[in-house]
Amino acid sequence: MEHNNDFKFDLEFGILGEKLLAEIFTNKKVEVKRDKIASNTGNLAVEYESRGKPSGIATSQADWWCFILSGKLEDKIIIIIELEKLKDICRIEFLANNIKEMGDNNTSKAVLIPIKKINTY
């Protein structure tokens, strides 16, 4: 987008963003994940398998995923990603072998997405 010093243009652009967010929370399914260790690890963990069966992102019926960063970040950062985009990101990180066993007795598998890379996708 080209730079524009016109406040009216900026206001209209901002209002479009507000409408998008309202649309997401009014008419779409949002899966919410509250992550208390992302502030320590620097990663979002996206589960895709549990006890040998598809789970998490692999079975989600949501349109969007919302990550609330808790812990040291005190729920003050929220990341919202459209599900298909999140799947694309997870495929890239999966192929890069950014996976981790976790959960009770390490029976779940998750893709790790470095938070600092989110804006590069």
PDB file of N, CA and C in Angstrom:
ATOM      1  N   MET A   1       0.841  -1.171   0.000  1.00  0.00           N
ATOM      2  CA  MET A   1       0.000   0.000   0.000  1.00  0.00           C
ATOM      3  C   MET A   1       0.886   1.234   0.000  1.00  0.00           C
ATOM      4  N   GLU A   2       0.475   2.220  -0.772  1.00  0.00           N
ATOM      5  CA  GLU A   2       1.204   3.463  -0.865  1.00  0.00           C
ATOM      6  C   GLU A   2       0.937   4.320   0.367  1.00  0.00           C
ATOM      7  N   HIS A   3       1.934   5.051   0.799  1.00  0.00           N
ATOM      8  CA  HIS A   3       1.791   5.941   1.960  1.00  0.00           C
ATOM      9  C   HIS A   3       0.794   7.050   1.640  1.00  0.00           C
ATOM     10  N   ASN A   4      -0.018   7.422   2.628  1.00  0.00           N
ATOM     11  CA  ASN A   4      -1.021   8.467   2.423  1.00  0.00           C
ATOM     12  C   ASN A   4      -1.124   9.288   3.701  1.00  0.00           C
ATOM     13  N   ASN A   5      -0.992  10.600   3.583  1.00  0.00           N
ATOM     14  CA  ASN A   5      -1.071  11.487   4.751  1.00  0.00           C
ATOM     15  C   ASN A   5      -2.479  11.981   5.040  1.00  0.00           C
ATOM     16  N   ASP A   6      -3.452  11.490   4.307  1.00  0.00           N
ATOM     17  CA  ASP A   6      -4.829  11.957   4.450  1.00  0.00           C
ATOM     18  C   ASP A   6      -5.503  11.221   5.609  1.00  0.00           C
ATOM     19  N   PHE A   7      -5.870  11.976   6.671  1.00  0.00           N
ATOM     20  CA  PHE A   7      -6.513  11.360   7.827  1.00  0.00           C
ATOM     21  C   PHE A   7      -7.797  10.646   7.435  1.00  0.00           C
ATOM     22  N   LYS A   8      -8.563  11.227   6.511  1.00  0.00           N
ATOM     23  CA  LYS A   8      -9.825  10.608   6.086  1.00  0.00           C
ATOM     24  C   LYS A   8      -9.564   9.223   5.500  1.00  0.00           C
ATOM     25  N   PHE A   9      -8.512   9.114   4.681  1.00  0.00           N
ATOM     26  CA  PHE A   9      -8.144   7.818   4.110  1.00  0.00           C
ATOM     27  C   PHE A   9      -7.777   6.840   5.221  1.00  0.00           C
ATOM     28  N   ASP A  10      -6.952   7.290   6.162  1.00  0.00           N
ATOM     29  CA  ASP A  10      -6.539   6.436   7.279  1.00  0.00           C
ATOM     30  C   ASP A  10      -7.728   5.995   8.105  1.00  0.00           C
ATOM     31  N   LEU A  11      -8.659   6.889   8.339  1.00  0.00           N
ATOM     32  CA  LEU A  11      -9.855   6.570   9.110  1.00  0.00           C
ATOM     33  C   LEU A  11     -10.676   5.503   8.396  1.00  0.00           C
ATOM     34  N   GLU A  12     -10.888   5.673   7.096  1.00  0.00           N
ATOM     35  CA  GLU A  12     -11.651   4.693   6.323  1.00  0.00           C
ATOM     36  C   GLU A  12     -10.960   3.327   6.335  1.00  0.00           C
ATOM     37  N   PHE A  13      -9.628   3.332   6.214  1.00  0.00           N
ATOM     38  CA  PHE A  13      -8.857   2.095   6.263  1.00  0.00           C
ATOM     39  C   PHE A  13      -9.020   1.425   7.627  1.00  0.00           C
ATOM     40  N   GLY A  14      -8.965   2.210   8.702  1.00  0.00           N
ATOM     41  CA  GLY A  14      -9.146   1.683  10.057  1.00  0.00           C
ATOM     42  C   GLY A  14     -10.535   1.114  10.261  1.00  0.00           C
ATOM     43  N   ILE A  15     -11.529   1.790   9.746  1.00  0.00           N
ATOM     44  CA  ILE A  15     -12.915   1.315   9.880  1.00  0.00           C
ATOM     45  C   ILE A  15     -13.096  -0.024   9.166  1.00  0.00           C
ATOM     46  N   LEU A  16     -12.449  -0.198   8.018  1.00  0.00           N
ATOM     47  CA  LEU A  16     -12.501  -1.491   7.323  1.00  0.00           C
ATOM     48  C   LEU A  16     -11.916  -2.599   8.202  1.00  0.00           C
ATOM     49  N   GLY A  17     -10.831  -2.283   8.923  1.00  0.00           N
ATOM     50  CA  GLY A  17     -10.236  -3.247   9.851  1.00  0.00           C
ATOM     51  C   GLY A  17     -11.184  -3.594  10.988  1.00  0.00           C
ATOM     52  N   GLU A  18     -11.877  -2.601  11.514  1.00  0.00           N
ATOM     53  CA  GLU A  18     -12.856  -2.838  12.576  1.00  0.00           C
ATOM     54  C   GLU A  18     -13.985  -3.731  12.077  1.00  0.00           C
ATOM     55  N   LYS A  19     -14.419  -3.500  10.840  1.00  0.00           N
ATOM     56  CA  LYS A  19     -15.494  -4.324  10.265  1.00  0.00           C
ATOM     57  C   LYS A  19     -15.032  -5.764  10.082  1.00  0.00           C
ATOM     58  N   LEU A  20     -13.785  -5.940   9.645  1.00  0.00           N
ATOM     59  CA  LEU A  20     -13.233  -7.288   9.485  1.00  0.00           C
ATOM     60  C   LEU A  20     -13.235  -8.023  10.819  1.00  0.00           C
ATOM     61  N   LEU A  21     -12.757  -7.367  11.859  1.00  0.00           N
ATOM     62  CA  LEU A  21     -12.711  -8.006  13.172  1.00  0.00           C
ATOM     63  C   LEU A  21     -14.114  -8.317  13.681  1.00  0.00           C
ATOM     64  N   ALA A  22     -15.049  -7.408  13.485  1.00  0.00           N
ATOM     65  CA  ALA A  22     -16.436  -7.657  13.892  1.00  0.00           C
ATOM     66  C   ALA A  22     -17.003  -8.852  13.135  1.00  0.00           C
ATOM     67  N   GLU A  23     -16.708  -8.948  11.852  1.00  0.00           N
ATOM     68  CA  GLU A  23     -17.175 -10.073  11.031  1.00  0.00           C
ATOM     69  C   GLU A  23     -16.627 -11.399  11.566  1.00  0.00           C
ATOM     70  N   ILE A  24     -15.351 -11.403  11.918  1.00  0.00           N
ATOM     71  CA  ILE A  24     -14.736 -12.628  12.443  1.00  0.00           C
ATOM     72  C   ILE A  24     -15.439 -13.076  13.713  1.00  0.00           C
ATOM     73  N   PHE A  25     -15.642 -12.165  14.653  1.00  0.00           N
ATOM     74  CA  PHE A  25     -16.203 -12.549  15.945  1.00  0.00           C
ATOM     75  C   PHE A  25     -17.714 -12.688  15.939  1.00  0.00           C
ATOM     76  N   THR A  26     -18.373 -12.225  14.883  1.00  0.00           N
ATOM     77  CA  THR A  26     -19.828 -12.320  14.823  1.00  0.00           C
ATOM     78  C   THR A  26     -20.294 -13.507  13.993  1.00  0.00           C
ATOM     79  N   ASN A  27     -19.619 -13.744  12.873  1.00  0.00           N
ATOM     80  CA  ASN A  27     -20.135 -14.720  11.916  1.00  0.00           C
ATOM     81  C   ASN A  27     -19.219 -15.894  11.627  1.00  0.00           C
ATOM     82  N   LYS A  28     -18.120 -15.999  12.317  1.00  0.00           N
ATOM     83  CA  LYS A  28     -17.165 -17.074  12.054  1.00  0.00           C
ATOM     84  C   LYS A  28     -16.915 -17.887  13.322  1.00  0.00           C
ATOM     85  N   LYS A  29     -16.451 -19.113  13.119  1.00  0.00           N
ATOM     86  CA  LYS A  29     -16.052 -19.955  14.242  1.00  0.00           C
ATOM     87  C   LYS A  29     -14.590 -19.650  14.564  1.00  0.00           C
ATOM     88  N   VAL A  30     -14.323 -19.356  15.836  1.00  0.00           N
ATOM     89  CA  VAL A  30     -12.974 -19.018  16.273  1.00  0.00           C
ATOM     90  C   VAL A  30     -12.556 -20.013  17.350  1.00  0.00           C
ATOM     91  N   GLU A  31     -11.458 -20.702  17.123  1.00  0.00           N
ATOM     92  CA  GLU A  31     -10.902 -21.599  18.132  1.00  0.00           C
ATOM     93  C   GLU A  31      -9.883 -20.802  18.928  1.00  0.00           C
ATOM     94  N   VAL A  32     -10.028 -20.796  20.240  1.00  0.00           N
ATOM     95  CA  VAL A  32      -9.177 -19.984  21.101  1.00  0.00           C
ATOM     96  C   VAL A  32      -8.218 -20.887  21.873  1.00  0.00           C
ATOM     97  N   LYS A  33      -6.937 -20.563  21.777  1.00  0.00           N
ATOM     98  CA  LYS A  33      -5.886 -21.268  22.515  1.00  0.00           C
ATOM     99  C   LYS A  33      -5.200 -20.260  23.423  1.00  0.00           C
ATOM    100  N   ARG A  34      -5.148 -20.550  24.686  1.00  0.00           N
ATOM    101  CA  ARG A  34      -4.475 -19.669  25.646  1.00  0.00           C
ATOM    102  C   ARG A  34      -3.158 -20.331  26.011  1.00  0.00           C
ATOM    103  N   ASP A  35      -2.065 -19.701  25.650  1.00  0.00           N
ATOM    104  CA  ASP A  35      -0.737 -20.295  25.760  1.00  0.00           C
ATOM    105  C   ASP A  35       0.059 -19.603  26.855  1.00  0.00           C
ATOM    106  N   LYS A  36       0.360 -20.340  27.923  1.00  0.00           N
ATOM    107  CA  LYS A  36       1.077 -19.736  29.050  1.00  0.00           C
ATOM    108  C   LYS A  36       2.586 -19.867  28.959  1.00  0.00           C
ATOM    109  N   ILE A  37       3.107 -20.648  27.989  1.00  0.00           N
ATOM    110  CA  ILE A  37       4.566 -20.791  27.914  1.00  0.00           C
ATOM    111  C   ILE A  37       5.174 -20.180  26.652  1.00  0.00           C
ATOM    112  N   ALA A  38       4.351 -19.672  25.738  1.00  0.00           N
ATOM    113  CA  ALA A  38       4.883 -19.076  24.511  1.00  0.00           C
ATOM    114  C   ALA A  38       5.843 -17.934  24.811  1.00  0.00           C
ATOM    115  N   SER A  39       5.589 -17.196  25.888  1.00  0.00           N
ATOM    116  CA  SER A  39       6.483 -16.090  26.229  1.00  0.00           C
ATOM    117  C   SER A  39       7.865 -16.596  26.647  1.00  0.00           C
ATOM    118  N   ASN A  40       7.948 -17.829  27.109  1.00  0.00           N
ATOM    119  CA  ASN A  40       9.238 -18.425  27.475  1.00  0.00           C
ATOM    120  C   ASN A  40       9.905 -19.106  26.286  1.00  0.00           C
ATOM    121  N   THR A  41       9.116 -19.809  25.481  1.00  0.00           N
ATOM    122  CA  THR A  41       9.682 -20.590  24.375  1.00  0.00           C
ATOM    123  C   THR A  41       9.864 -19.775  23.103  1.00  0.00           C
ATOM    124  N   GLY A  42       9.048 -18.740  22.943  1.00  0.00           N
ATOM    125  CA  GLY A  42       9.079 -17.962  21.706  1.00  0.00           C
ATOM    126  C   GLY A  42       8.326 -18.624  20.572  1.00  0.00           C
ATOM    127  N   ASN A  43       7.583 -19.680  20.884  1.00  0.00           N
ATOM    128  CA  ASN A  43       6.858 -20.434  19.862  1.00  0.00           C
ATOM    129  C   ASN A  43       5.374 -20.555  20.179  1.00  0.00           C
ATOM    130  N   LEU A  44       4.578 -20.594  19.118  1.00  0.00           N
ATOM    131  CA  LEU A  44       3.195 -21.039  19.236  1.00  0.00           C
ATOM    132  C   LEU A  44       3.216 -22.533  18.958  1.00  0.00           C
ATOM    133  N   ALA A  45       2.519 -23.311  19.772  1.00  0.00           N
ATOM    134  CA  ALA A  45       2.433 -24.750  19.552  1.00  0.00           C
ATOM    135  C   ALA A  45       1.054 -25.065  18.983  1.00  0.00           C
ATOM    136  N   VAL A  46       1.043 -25.738  17.832  1.00  0.00           N
ATOM    137  CA  VAL A  46      -0.211 -26.078  17.172  1.00  0.00           C
ATOM    138  C   VAL A  46      -0.306 -27.598  17.092  1.00  0.00           C
ATOM    139  N   GLU A  47      -1.148 -28.167  17.941  1.00  0.00           N
ATOM    140  CA  GLU A  47      -1.312 -29.623  17.979  1.00  0.00           C
ATOM    141  C   GLU A  47      -1.941 -30.124  16.686  1.00  0.00           C
ATOM    142  N   TYR A  48      -1.434 -31.275  16.223  1.00  0.00           N
ATOM    143  CA  TYR A  48      -2.025 -31.906  15.046  1.00  0.00           C
ATOM    144  C   TYR A  48      -2.305 -33.399  15.241  1.00  0.00           C
ATOM    145  N   GLU A  49      -1.800 -33.961  16.339  1.00  0.00           N
ATOM    146  CA  GLU A  49      -2.013 -35.386  16.606  1.00  0.00           C
ATOM    147  C   GLU A  49      -2.008 -35.641  18.102  1.00  0.00           C
ATOM    148  N   SER A  50      -2.883 -36.553  18.544  1.00  0.00           N
ATOM    149  CA  SER A  50      -2.897 -36.959  19.950  1.00  0.00           C
ATOM    150  C   SER A  50      -3.217 -38.442  20.030  1.00  0.00           C
ATOM    151  N   ARG A  51      -2.370 -39.140  20.749  1.00  0.00           N
ATOM    152  CA  ARG A  51      -2.522 -40.581  20.926  1.00  0.00           C
ATOM    153  C   ARG A  51      -2.684 -41.309  19.589  1.00  0.00           C
ATOM    154  N   GLY A  52      -1.887 -40.872  18.607  1.00  0.00           N
ATOM    155  CA  GLY A  52      -1.862 -41.527  17.311  1.00  0.00           C
ATOM    156  C   GLY A  52      -3.007 -41.170  16.376  1.00  0.00           C
ATOM    157  N   LYS A  53      -3.863 -40.237  16.779  1.00  0.00           N
ATOM    158  CA  LYS A  53      -5.002 -39.849  15.939  1.00  0.00           C
ATOM    159  C   LYS A  53      -4.941 -38.360  15.628  1.00  0.00           C
ATOM    160  N   PRO A  54      -5.477 -37.967  14.469  1.00  0.00           N
ATOM    161  CA  PRO A  54      -5.526 -36.541  14.144  1.00  0.00           C
ATOM    162  C   PRO A  54      -6.285 -35.764  15.222  1.00  0.00           C
ATOM    163  N   SER A  55      -5.780 -34.581  15.523  1.00  0.00           N
ATOM    164  CA  SER A  55      -6.433 -33.732  16.527  1.00  0.00           C
ATOM    165  C   SER A  55      -6.055 -32.285  16.230  1.00  0.00           C
ATOM    166  N   GLY A  56      -6.508 -31.386  17.064  1.00  0.00           N
ATOM    167  CA  GLY A  56      -6.125 -29.982  16.940  1.00  0.00           C
ATOM    168  C   GLY A  56      -6.430 -29.423  15.567  1.00  0.00           C
ATOM    169  N   ILE A  57      -5.406 -28.871  14.934  1.00  0.00           N
ATOM    170  CA  ILE A  57      -5.592 -28.225  13.632  1.00  0.00           C
ATOM    171  C   ILE A  57      -6.076 -29.202  12.569  1.00  0.00           C
ATOM    172  N   ALA A  58      -5.725 -30.483  12.700  1.00  0.00           N
ATOM    173  CA  ALA A  58      -6.117 -31.488  11.706  1.00  0.00           C
ATOM    174  C   ALA A  58      -7.618 -31.775  11.732  1.00  0.00           C
ATOM    175  N   THR A  59      -8.272 -31.478  12.836  1.00  0.00           N
ATOM    176  CA  THR A  59      -9.700 -31.779  12.953  1.00  0.00           C
ATOM    177  C   THR A  59     -10.545 -30.543  13.233  1.00  0.00           C
ATOM    178  N   SER A  60      -9.921 -29.392  13.311  1.00  0.00           N
ATOM    179  CA  SER A  60     -10.632 -28.164  13.676  1.00  0.00           C
ATOM    180  C   SER A  60     -11.717 -27.809  12.666  1.00  0.00           C
ATOM    181  N   GLN A  61     -12.851 -27.364  13.174  1.00  0.00           N
ATOM    182  CA  GLN A  61     -13.959 -26.889  12.348  1.00  0.00           C
ATOM    183  C   GLN A  61     -14.013 -25.367  12.334  1.00  0.00           C
ATOM    184  N   ALA A  62     -13.013 -24.737  12.941  1.00  0.00           N
ATOM    185  CA  ALA A  62     -12.995 -23.272  13.055  1.00  0.00           C
ATOM    186  C   ALA A  62     -12.629 -22.624  11.725  1.00  0.00           C
ATOM    187  N   ASP A  63     -12.994 -21.358  11.600  1.00  0.00           N
ATOM    188  CA  ASP A  63     -12.581 -20.546  10.460  1.00  0.00           C
ATOM    189  C   ASP A  63     -11.279 -19.804  10.789  1.00  0.00           C
ATOM    190  N   TRP A  64     -11.107 -19.468  12.051  1.00  0.00           N
ATOM    191  CA  TRP A  64      -9.953 -18.693  12.537  1.00  0.00           C
ATOM    192  C   TRP A  64      -9.446 -19.326  13.827  1.00  0.00           C
ATOM    193  N   TRP A  65      -8.149 -19.168  14.098  1.00  0.00           N
ATOM    194  CA  TRP A  65      -7.558 -19.560  15.370  1.00  0.00           C
ATOM    195  C   TRP A  65      -7.048 -18.314  16.061  1.00  0.00           C
ATOM    196  N   CYS A  66      -7.261 -18.275  17.356  1.00  0.00           N
ATOM    197  CA  CYS A  66      -6.860 -17.133  18.169  1.00  0.00           C
ATOM    198  C   CYS A  66      -5.925 -17.651  19.264  1.00  0.00           C
ATOM    199  N   PHE A  67      -4.734 -17.097  19.316  1.00  0.00           N
ATOM    200  CA  PHE A  67      -3.761 -17.453  20.352  1.00  0.00           C
ATOM    201  C   PHE A  67      -3.683 -16.298  21.341  1.00  0.00           C
ATOM    202  N   ILE A  68      -4.027 -16.561  22.590  1.00  0.00           N
ATOM    203  CA  ILE A  68      -3.880 -15.565  23.650  1.00  0.00           C
ATOM    204  C   ILE A  68      -2.585 -15.905  24.389  1.00  0.00           C
ATOM    205  N   LEU A  69      -1.629 -14.974  24.369  1.00  0.00           N
ATOM    206  CA  LEU A  69      -0.336 -15.235  24.999  1.00  0.00           C
ATOM    207  C   LEU A  69      -0.417 -14.824  26.462  1.00  0.00           C
ATOM    208  N   SER A  70      -0.395 -15.828  27.306  1.00  0.00           N
ATOM    209  CA  SER A  70      -0.569 -15.640  28.737  1.00  0.00           C
ATOM    210  C   SER A  70       0.807 -15.639  29.411  1.00  0.00           C
ATOM    211  N   GLY A  71       0.899 -16.161  30.602  1.00  0.00           N
ATOM    212  CA  GLY A  71       2.174 -16.209  31.310  1.00  0.00           C
ATOM    213  C   GLY A  71       2.734 -14.819  31.527  1.00  0.00           C
ATOM    214  N   LYS A  72       4.033 -14.642  31.203  1.00  0.00           N
ATOM    215  CA  LYS A  72       4.689 -13.343  31.383  1.00  0.00           C
ATOM    216  C   LYS A  72       4.035 -12.247  30.553  1.00  0.00           C
ATOM    217  N   LEU A  73       3.361 -12.629  29.474  1.00  0.00           N
ATOM    218  CA  LEU A  73       2.736 -11.633  28.601  1.00  0.00           C
ATOM    219  C   LEU A  73       1.353 -11.204  29.096  1.00  0.00           C
ATOM    220  N   GLU A  74       0.889 -11.853  30.160  1.00  0.00           N
ATOM    221  CA  GLU A  74      -0.313 -11.428  30.898  1.00  0.00           C
ATOM    222  C   GLU A  74      -1.544 -11.219  30.027  1.00  0.00           C
ATOM    223  N   ASP A  75      -1.736 -12.052  29.009  1.00  0.00           N
ATOM    224  CA  ASP A  75      -2.911 -11.959  28.123  1.00  0.00           C
ATOM    225  C   ASP A  75      -2.987 -10.623  27.392  1.00  0.00           C
ATOM    226  N   LYS A  76      -1.866  -9.974  27.188  1.00  0.00           N
ATOM    227  CA  LYS A  76      -1.864  -8.646  26.557  1.00  0.00           C
ATOM    228  C   LYS A  76      -1.500  -8.687  25.080  1.00  0.00           C
ATOM    229  N   ILE A  77      -1.237  -9.892  24.563  1.00  0.00           N
ATOM    230  CA  ILE A  77      -0.981 -10.057  23.137  1.00  0.00           C
ATOM    231  C   ILE A  77      -1.878 -11.181  22.640  1.00  0.00           C
ATOM    232  N   ILE A  78      -2.611 -10.892  21.582  1.00  0.00           N
ATOM    233  CA  ILE A  78      -3.509 -11.865  20.974  1.00  0.00           C
ATOM    234  C   ILE A  78      -3.199 -11.914  19.480  1.00  0.00           C
ATOM    235  N   ILE A  79      -3.026 -13.130  18.974  1.00  0.00           N
ATOM    236  CA  ILE A  79      -2.739 -13.334  17.560  1.00  0.00           C
ATOM    237  C   ILE A  79      -3.911 -14.103  16.960  1.00  0.00           C
ATOM    238  N   ILE A  80      -4.458 -13.582  15.872  1.00  0.00           N
ATOM    239  CA  ILE A  80      -5.587 -14.234  15.203  1.00  0.00           C
ATOM    240  C   ILE A  80      -5.155 -14.572  13.779  1.00  0.00           C
ATOM    241  N   ILE A  81      -5.310 -15.850  13.403  1.00  0.00           N
ATOM    242  CA  ILE A  81      -4.876 -16.313  12.086  1.00  0.00           C
ATOM    243  C   ILE A  81      -6.002 -17.128  11.437  1.00  0.00           C
ATOM    244  N   GLU A  82      -6.289 -16.817  10.192  1.00  0.00           N
ATOM    245  CA  GLU A  82      -7.285 -17.584   9.447  1.00  0.00           C
ATOM    246  C   GLU A  82      -6.793 -19.025   9.341  1.00  0.00           C
ATOM    247  N   LEU A  83      -7.698 -19.990   9.518  1.00  0.00           N
ATOM    248  CA  LEU A  83      -7.306 -21.398   9.628  1.00  0.00           C
ATOM    249  C   LEU A  83      -6.497 -21.881   8.425  1.00  0.00           C
ATOM    250  N   GLU A  84      -6.923 -21.579   7.215  1.00  0.00           N
ATOM    251  CA  GLU A  84      -6.183 -22.065   6.047  1.00  0.00           C
ATOM    252  C   GLU A  84      -4.781 -21.485   5.992  1.00  0.00           C
ATOM    253  N   LYS A  85      -4.618 -20.228   6.384  1.00  0.00           N
ATOM    254  CA  LYS A  85      -3.283 -19.622   6.446  1.00  0.00           C
ATOM    255  C   LYS A  85      -2.440 -20.309   7.517  1.00  0.00           C
ATOM    256  N   LEU A  86      -3.052 -20.600   8.668  1.00  0.00           N
ATOM    257  CA  LEU A  86      -2.344 -21.298   9.737  1.00  0.00           C
ATOM    258  C   LEU A  86      -1.896 -22.682   9.277  1.00  0.00           C
ATOM    259  N   LYS A  87      -2.740 -23.365   8.532  1.00  0.00           N
ATOM    260  CA  LYS A  87      -2.348 -24.681   8.005  1.00  0.00           C
ATOM    261  C   LYS A  87      -1.146 -24.552   7.069  1.00  0.00           C
ATOM    262  N   ASP A  88      -1.153 -23.521   6.216  1.00  0.00           N
ATOM    263  CA  ASP A  88      -0.010 -23.286   5.325  1.00  0.00           C
ATOM    264  C   ASP A  88       1.270 -23.066   6.130  1.00  0.00           C
ATOM    265  N   ILE A  89       1.181 -22.251   7.167  1.00  0.00           N
ATOM    266  CA  ILE A  89       2.339 -21.971   8.026  1.00  0.00           C
ATOM    267  C   ILE A  89       2.816 -23.257   8.706  1.00  0.00           C
ATOM    268  N   CYS A  90       1.868 -24.045   9.201  1.00  0.00           N
ATOM    269  CA  CYS A  90       2.218 -25.293   9.885  1.00  0.00           C
ATOM    270  C   CYS A  90       2.910 -26.268   8.941  1.00  0.00           C
ATOM    271  N   ARG A  91       2.461 -26.323   7.695  1.00  0.00           N
ATOM    272  CA  ARG A  91       3.119 -27.212   6.726  1.00  0.00           C
ATOM    273  C   ARG A  91       4.583 -26.817   6.527  1.00  0.00           C
ATOM    274  N   ILE A  92       4.828 -25.535   6.423  1.00  0.00           N
ATOM    275  CA  ILE A  92       6.201 -25.044   6.244  1.00  0.00           C
ATOM    276  C   ILE A  92       7.059 -25.430   7.447  1.00  0.00           C
ATOM    277  N   GLU A  93       6.548 -25.182   8.646  1.00  0.00           N
ATOM    278  CA  GLU A  93       7.315 -25.487   9.862  1.00  0.00           C
ATOM    279  C   GLU A  93       7.442 -26.992  10.084  1.00  0.00           C
ATOM    280  N   PHE A  94       6.432 -27.760   9.685  1.00  0.00           N
ATOM    281  CA  PHE A  94       6.497 -29.219   9.778  1.00  0.00           C
ATOM    282  C   PHE A  94       7.624 -29.738   8.886  1.00  0.00           C
ATOM    283  N   LEU A  95       7.679 -29.234   7.645  1.00  0.00           N
ATOM    284  CA  LEU A  95       8.730 -29.662   6.720  1.00  0.00           C
ATOM    285  C   LEU A  95      10.119 -29.246   7.194  1.00  0.00           C
ATOM    286  N   ALA A  96      10.168 -28.186   8.003  1.00  0.00           N
ATOM    287  CA  ALA A  96      11.442 -27.744   8.593  1.00  0.00           C
ATOM    288  C   ALA A  96      11.750 -28.527   9.870  1.00  0.00           C
ATOM    289  N   ASN A  97      10.928 -29.510  10.170  1.00  0.00           N
ATOM    290  CA  ASN A  97      11.073 -30.378  11.341  1.00  0.00           C
ATOM    291  C   ASN A  97      10.910 -29.626  12.663  1.00  0.00           C
ATOM    292  N   ASN A  98      10.125 -28.569  12.659  1.00  0.00           N
ATOM    293  CA  ASN A  98       9.805 -27.848  13.899  1.00  0.00           C
ATOM    294  C   ASN A  98       8.594 -28.506  14.541  1.00  0.00           C
ATOM    295  N   ILE A  99       8.821 -29.693  15.086  1.00  0.00           N
ATOM    296  CA  ILE A  99       7.755 -30.445  15.735  1.00  0.00           C
ATOM    297  C   ILE A  99       8.222 -30.869  17.120  1.00  0.00           C
ATOM    298  N   LYS A 100       7.246 -31.092  17.983  1.00  0.00           N
ATOM    299  CA  LYS A 100       7.571 -31.444  19.361  1.00  0.00           C
ATOM    300  C   LYS A 100       6.505 -32.367  19.907  1.00  0.00           C
ATOM    301  N   GLU A 101       6.945 -33.375  20.647  1.00  0.00           N
ATOM    302  CA  GLU A 101       6.004 -34.199  21.405  1.00  0.00           C
ATOM    303  C   GLU A 101       5.713 -33.468  22.697  1.00  0.00           C
ATOM    304  N   MET A 102       4.451 -33.458  23.090  1.00  0.00           N
ATOM    305  CA  MET A 102       4.070 -32.730  24.299  1.00  0.00           C
ATOM    306  C   MET A 102       2.816 -33.325  24.899  1.00  0.00           C
ATOM    307  N   GLY A 103       2.312 -32.676  25.923  1.00  0.00           N
ATOM    308  CA  GLY A 103       1.092 -33.143  26.584  1.00  0.00           C
ATOM    309  C   GLY A 103       1.375 -34.235  27.577  1.00  0.00           C
ATOM    310  N   ASP A 104       0.303 -34.846  28.078  1.00  0.00           N
ATOM    311  CA  ASP A 104       0.427 -35.931  29.054  1.00  0.00           C
ATOM    312  C   ASP A 104       1.250 -37.074  28.478  1.00  0.00           C
ATOM    313  N   ASN A 105       2.359 -37.376  29.124  1.00  0.00           N
ATOM    314  CA  ASN A 105       3.261 -38.452  28.709  1.00  0.00           C
ATOM    315  C   ASN A 105       3.724 -38.314  27.257  1.00  0.00           C
ATOM    316  N   ASN A 106       3.821 -37.075  26.772  1.00  0.00           N
ATOM    317  CA  ASN A 106       4.256 -36.813  25.392  1.00  0.00           C
ATOM    318  C   ASN A 106       3.446 -37.597  24.362  1.00  0.00           C
ATOM    319  N   THR A 107       2.137 -37.676  24.565  1.00  0.00           N
ATOM    320  CA  THR A 107       1.275 -38.431  23.650  1.00  0.00           C
ATOM    321  C   THR A 107       0.702 -37.566  22.532  1.00  0.00           C
ATOM    322  N   SER A 108       1.022 -36.278  22.524  1.00  0.00           N
ATOM    323  CA  SER A 108       0.545 -35.382  21.469  1.00  0.00           C
ATOM    324  C   SER A 108       1.729 -34.842  20.684  1.00  0.00           C
ATOM    325  N   LYS A 109       1.455 -34.454  19.438  1.00  0.00           N
ATOM    326  CA  LYS A 109       2.479 -33.845  18.599  1.00  0.00           C
ATOM    327  C   LYS A 109       1.983 -32.481  18.151  1.00  0.00           C
ATOM    328  N   ALA A 110       2.923 -31.535  18.118  1.00  0.00           N
ATOM    329  CA  ALA A 110       2.574 -30.174  17.717  1.00  0.00           C
ATOM    330  C   ALA A 110       3.651 -29.611  16.804  1.00  0.00           C
ATOM    331  N   VAL A 111       3.213 -28.735  15.930  1.00  0.00           N
ATOM    332  CA  VAL A 111       4.132 -27.944  15.117  1.00  0.00           C
ATOM    333  C   VAL A 111       4.458 -26.691  15.912  1.00  0.00           C
ATOM    334  N   LEU A 112       5.713 -26.305  15.942  1.00  0.00           N
ATOM    335  CA  LEU A 112       6.127 -25.087  16.627  1.00  0.00           C
ATOM    336  C   LEU A 112       6.340 -23.976  15.601  1.00  0.00           C
ATOM    337  N   ILE A 113       5.681 -22.853  15.843  1.00  0.00           N
ATOM    338  CA  ILE A 113       5.810 -21.698  14.959  1.00  0.00           C
ATOM    339  C   ILE A 113       6.492 -20.581  15.738  1.00  0.00           C
ATOM    340  N   PRO A 114       7.699 -20.194  15.342  1.00  0.00           N
ATOM    341  CA  PRO A 114       8.360 -19.086  16.040  1.00  0.00           C
ATOM    342  C   PRO A 114       7.517 -17.803  15.916  1.00  0.00           C
ATOM    343  N   ILE A 115       7.196 -17.214  17.042  1.00  0.00           N
ATOM    344  CA  ILE A 115       6.348 -16.018  17.044  1.00  0.00           C
ATOM    345  C   ILE A 115       7.002 -14.913  16.210  1.00  0.00           C
ATOM    346  N   LYS A 116       8.310 -14.792  16.282  1.00  0.00           N
ATOM    347  CA  LYS A 116       9.000 -13.722  15.557  1.00  0.00           C
ATOM    348  C   LYS A 116       8.891 -13.890  14.037  1.00  0.00           C
ATOM    349  N   LYS A 117       8.466 -15.071  13.566  1.00  0.00           N
ATOM    350  CA  LYS A 117       8.341 -15.305  12.128  1.00  0.00           C
ATOM    351  C   LYS A 117       6.918 -15.061  11.612  1.00  0.00           C
ATOM    352  N   ILE A 118       5.959 -14.876  12.503  1.00  0.00           N
ATOM    353  CA  ILE A 118       4.558 -14.764  12.089  1.00  0.00           C
ATOM    354  C   ILE A 118       4.380 -13.704  11.000  1.00  0.00           C
ATOM    355  N   ASN A 119       4.997 -12.579  11.158  1.00  0.00           N
ATOM    356  CA  ASN A 119       4.786 -11.511  10.169  1.00  0.00           C
ATOM    357  C   ASN A 119       5.510 -11.759   8.846  1.00  0.00           C
ATOM    358  N   THR A 120       6.294 -12.835   8.741  1.00  0.00           N
ATOM    359  CA  THR A 120       6.989 -13.119   7.491  1.00  0.00           C
ATOM    360  C   THR A 120       6.175 -14.021   6.578  1.00  0.00           C
ATOM    361  N   TYR A 121       5.075 -14.550   7.058  1.00  0.00           N
ATOM    362  CA  TYR A 121       4.272 -15.469   6.234  1.00  0.00           C
ATOM    363  C   TYR A 121       3.267 -14.729   5.404  1.00  0.00           C
TER     364      TYR A 121
END
